[in-house]
Amino acid sequence: MPINSELLEILACPMCKGDVEYRKEEDFLLCESCNLRFYAKACKIERCKKCSGELKPIKGEVLLCLECGRWYPIIDDIPHMLPDELREDLC
């Protein structure tokens, strides 16, 4: 389900406070062992960085910061917009 346009207008990158852009069908790598998603455009990895488990390609929604380029996955219609120090899915 696409993100609500009113919500998108008020969301900002937690790191630089820049505007974010919604993308519906982006490539992710999913580790089913620890349920982490890695953004395929940002991560060129073959195994999970947390548990070394296998990664499965999936499609997913993402918010991209137009200022700093950081990405935030949308999982079960909820944007996961944590600052870098609290994320395990960065490469």
C-alpha atoms as a PDB file:
ATOM      1  CA  MET A   1       0.000   0.000   0.000  1.00  0.00           C
ATOM      2  CA  PRO A   2       1.499   3.369  -0.968  1.00  0.00           C
ATOM      3  CA  ILE A   3       2.355   5.722   1.858  1.00  0.00           C
ATOM      4  CA  ASN A   4      -0.220   8.416   2.637  1.00  0.00           C
ATOM      5  CA  SER A   5       0.648  11.663   0.804  1.00  0.00           C
ATOM      6  CA  GLU A   6      -0.172  13.769   3.889  1.00  0.00           C
ATOM      7  CA  LEU A   7       2.252  11.697   5.965  1.00  0.00           C
ATOM      8  CA  LEU A   8       4.919  11.952   3.282  1.00  0.00           C
ATOM      9  CA  GLU A   9       4.680  15.756   3.383  1.00  0.00           C
ATOM     10  CA  ILE A  10       5.591  15.888   7.093  1.00  0.00           C
ATOM     11  CA  LEU A  11       8.227  13.132   7.187  1.00  0.00           C
ATOM     12  CA  ALA A  12      11.871  14.187   7.152  1.00  0.00           C
ATOM     13  CA  CYS A  13      15.188  12.353   7.279  1.00  0.00           C
ATOM     14  CA  PRO A  14      16.117  11.848  10.961  1.00  0.00           C
ATOM     15  CA  MET A  15      19.784  12.529  10.180  1.00  0.00           C
ATOM     16  CA  CYS A  16      19.794  15.687   8.011  1.00  0.00           C
ATOM     17  CA  LYS A  17      16.110  16.727   8.201  1.00  0.00           C
ATOM     18  CA  GLY A  18      15.887  16.669   4.375  1.00  0.00           C
ATOM     19  CA  ASP A  19      12.783  15.807   2.363  1.00  0.00           C
ATOM     20  CA  VAL A  20      12.142  12.130   1.581  1.00  0.00           C
ATOM     21  CA  GLU A  21      10.818  10.536  -1.597  1.00  0.00           C
ATOM     22  CA  TYR A  22       8.639   7.400  -1.711  1.00  0.00           C
ATOM     23  CA  ARG A  23       9.621   4.533  -4.028  1.00  0.00           C
ATOM     24  CA  LYS A  24       7.226   1.603  -4.385  1.00  0.00           C
ATOM     25  CA  GLU A  25       9.143  -1.265  -6.045  1.00  0.00           C
ATOM     26  CA  GLU A  26      12.795  -1.314  -5.011  1.00  0.00           C
ATOM     27  CA  ASP A  27      15.153  -4.294  -4.745  1.00  0.00           C
ATOM     28  CA  PHE A  28      16.036  -5.532  -1.268  1.00  0.00           C
ATOM     29  CA  LEU A  29      17.996  -8.477   0.093  1.00  0.00           C
ATOM     30  CA  LEU A  30      16.152 -10.217   2.940  1.00  0.00           C
ATOM     31  CA  CYS A  31      17.793 -12.381   5.583  1.00  0.00           C
ATOM     32  CA  GLU A  32      15.029 -14.724   6.697  1.00  0.00           C
ATOM     33  CA  SER A  33      17.079 -15.866   9.717  1.00  0.00           C
ATOM     34  CA  CYS A  34      17.169 -12.479  11.451  1.00  0.00           C
ATOM     35  CA  ASN A  35      14.520 -10.657   9.344  1.00  0.00           C
ATOM     36  CA  LEU A  36      16.821  -7.839   8.216  1.00  0.00           C
ATOM     37  CA  ARG A  37      16.386  -6.086   4.858  1.00  0.00           C
ATOM     38  CA  PHE A  38      19.333  -4.581   3.019  1.00  0.00           C
ATOM     39  CA  TYR A  39      18.722  -2.067   0.210  1.00  0.00           C
ATOM     40  CA  ALA A  40      20.268  -3.729  -2.850  1.00  0.00           C
ATOM     41  CA  LYS A  41      21.374  -0.426  -4.440  1.00  0.00           C
ATOM     42  CA  ALA A  42      23.320   0.525  -1.301  1.00  0.00           C
ATOM     43  CA  CYS A  43      24.577  -2.911  -0.238  1.00  0.00           C
ATOM     44  CA  LYS A  44      26.684  -5.165  -2.416  1.00  0.00           C
ATOM     45  CA  ILE A  45      26.813  -8.107  -0.022  1.00  0.00           C
ATOM     46  CA  GLU A  46      26.287 -11.843  -0.431  1.00  0.00           C
ATOM     47  CA  ARG A  47      25.533 -12.775   3.184  1.00  0.00           C
ATOM     48  CA  CYS A  48      23.771 -11.100   6.107  1.00  0.00           C
ATOM     49  CA  LYS A  49      26.033  -8.729   8.039  1.00  0.00           C
ATOM     50  CA  LYS A  50      24.406  -9.688  11.351  1.00  0.00           C
ATOM     51  CA  CYS A  51      24.147 -13.497  11.227  1.00  0.00           C
ATOM     52  CA  SER A  52      25.965 -14.466   7.981  1.00  0.00           C
ATOM     53  CA  GLY A  53      22.723 -16.039   6.760  1.00  0.00           C
ATOM     54  CA  GLU A  54      21.707 -16.325   3.120  1.00  0.00           C
ATOM     55  CA  LEU A  55      20.001 -13.373   1.467  1.00  0.00           C
ATOM     56  CA  LYS A  56      16.880 -13.654  -0.666  1.00  0.00           C
ATOM     57  CA  PRO A  57      16.026 -10.957  -3.246  1.00  0.00           C
ATOM     58  CA  ILE A  58      12.651  -9.304  -2.636  1.00  0.00           C
ATOM     59  CA  LYS A  59      10.795  -6.170  -3.717  1.00  0.00           C
ATOM     60  CA  GLY A  60       9.858  -3.548  -1.158  1.00  0.00           C
ATOM     61  CA  GLU A  61       8.962   0.040  -0.461  1.00  0.00           C
ATOM     62  CA  VAL A  62      11.524   2.622   0.611  1.00  0.00           C
ATOM     63  CA  LEU A  63      11.841   6.286   1.527  1.00  0.00           C
ATOM     64  CA  LEU A  64      14.928   8.001   0.093  1.00  0.00           C
ATOM     65  CA  CYS A  65      16.327  11.228   1.499  1.00  0.00           C
ATOM     66  CA  LEU A  66      16.725  13.764  -1.302  1.00  0.00           C
ATOM     67  CA  GLU A  67      19.470  15.610   0.610  1.00  0.00           C
ATOM     68  CA  CYS A  68      21.856  12.998   2.034  1.00  0.00           C
ATOM     69  CA  GLY A  69      20.798   9.860   0.113  1.00  0.00           C
ATOM     70  CA  ARG A  70      20.008   7.732   3.165  1.00  0.00           C
ATOM     71  CA  TRP A  71      17.281   5.126   2.749  1.00  0.00           C
ATOM     72  CA  TYR A  72      14.554   3.922   5.096  1.00  0.00           C
ATOM     73  CA  PRO A  73      12.560   0.730   4.462  1.00  0.00           C
ATOM     74  CA  ILE A  74       8.790   0.607   4.777  1.00  0.00           C
ATOM     75  CA  ILE A  75       7.822  -2.696   6.404  1.00  0.00           C
ATOM     76  CA  ASP A  76       4.163  -3.668   6.859  1.00  0.00           C
ATOM     77  CA  ASP A  77       3.153  -0.097   5.861  1.00  0.00           C
ATOM     78  CA  ILE A  78       5.358   1.433   8.604  1.00  0.00           C
ATOM     79  CA  PRO A  79       8.361   3.611   7.695  1.00  0.00           C
ATOM     80  CA  HIS A  80      11.412   2.511   9.722  1.00  0.00           C
ATOM     81  CA  MET A  81      13.225   5.827  10.071  1.00  0.00           C
ATOM     82  CA  LEU A  82      15.918   5.208  12.663  1.00  0.00           C
ATOM     83  CA  PRO A  83      19.158   7.201  12.905  1.00  0.00           C
ATOM     84  CA  ASP A  84      22.300   5.421  11.690  1.00  0.00           C
ATOM     85  CA  GLU A  85      23.529   4.434  15.152  1.00  0.00           C
ATOM     86  CA  LEU A  86      20.367   2.394  15.791  1.00  0.00           C
ATOM     87  CA  ARG A  87      20.289   0.537  12.474  1.00  0.00           C
ATOM     88  CA  GLU A  88      21.620  -2.933  11.736  1.00  0.00           C
ATOM     89  CA  ASP A  89      20.808  -2.864   8.013  1.00  0.00           C
ATOM     90  CA  LEU A  90      23.485  -0.436   6.827  1.00  0.00           C
ATOM     91  CA  CYS A  91      26.410  -1.604   4.699  1.00  0.00           C
END
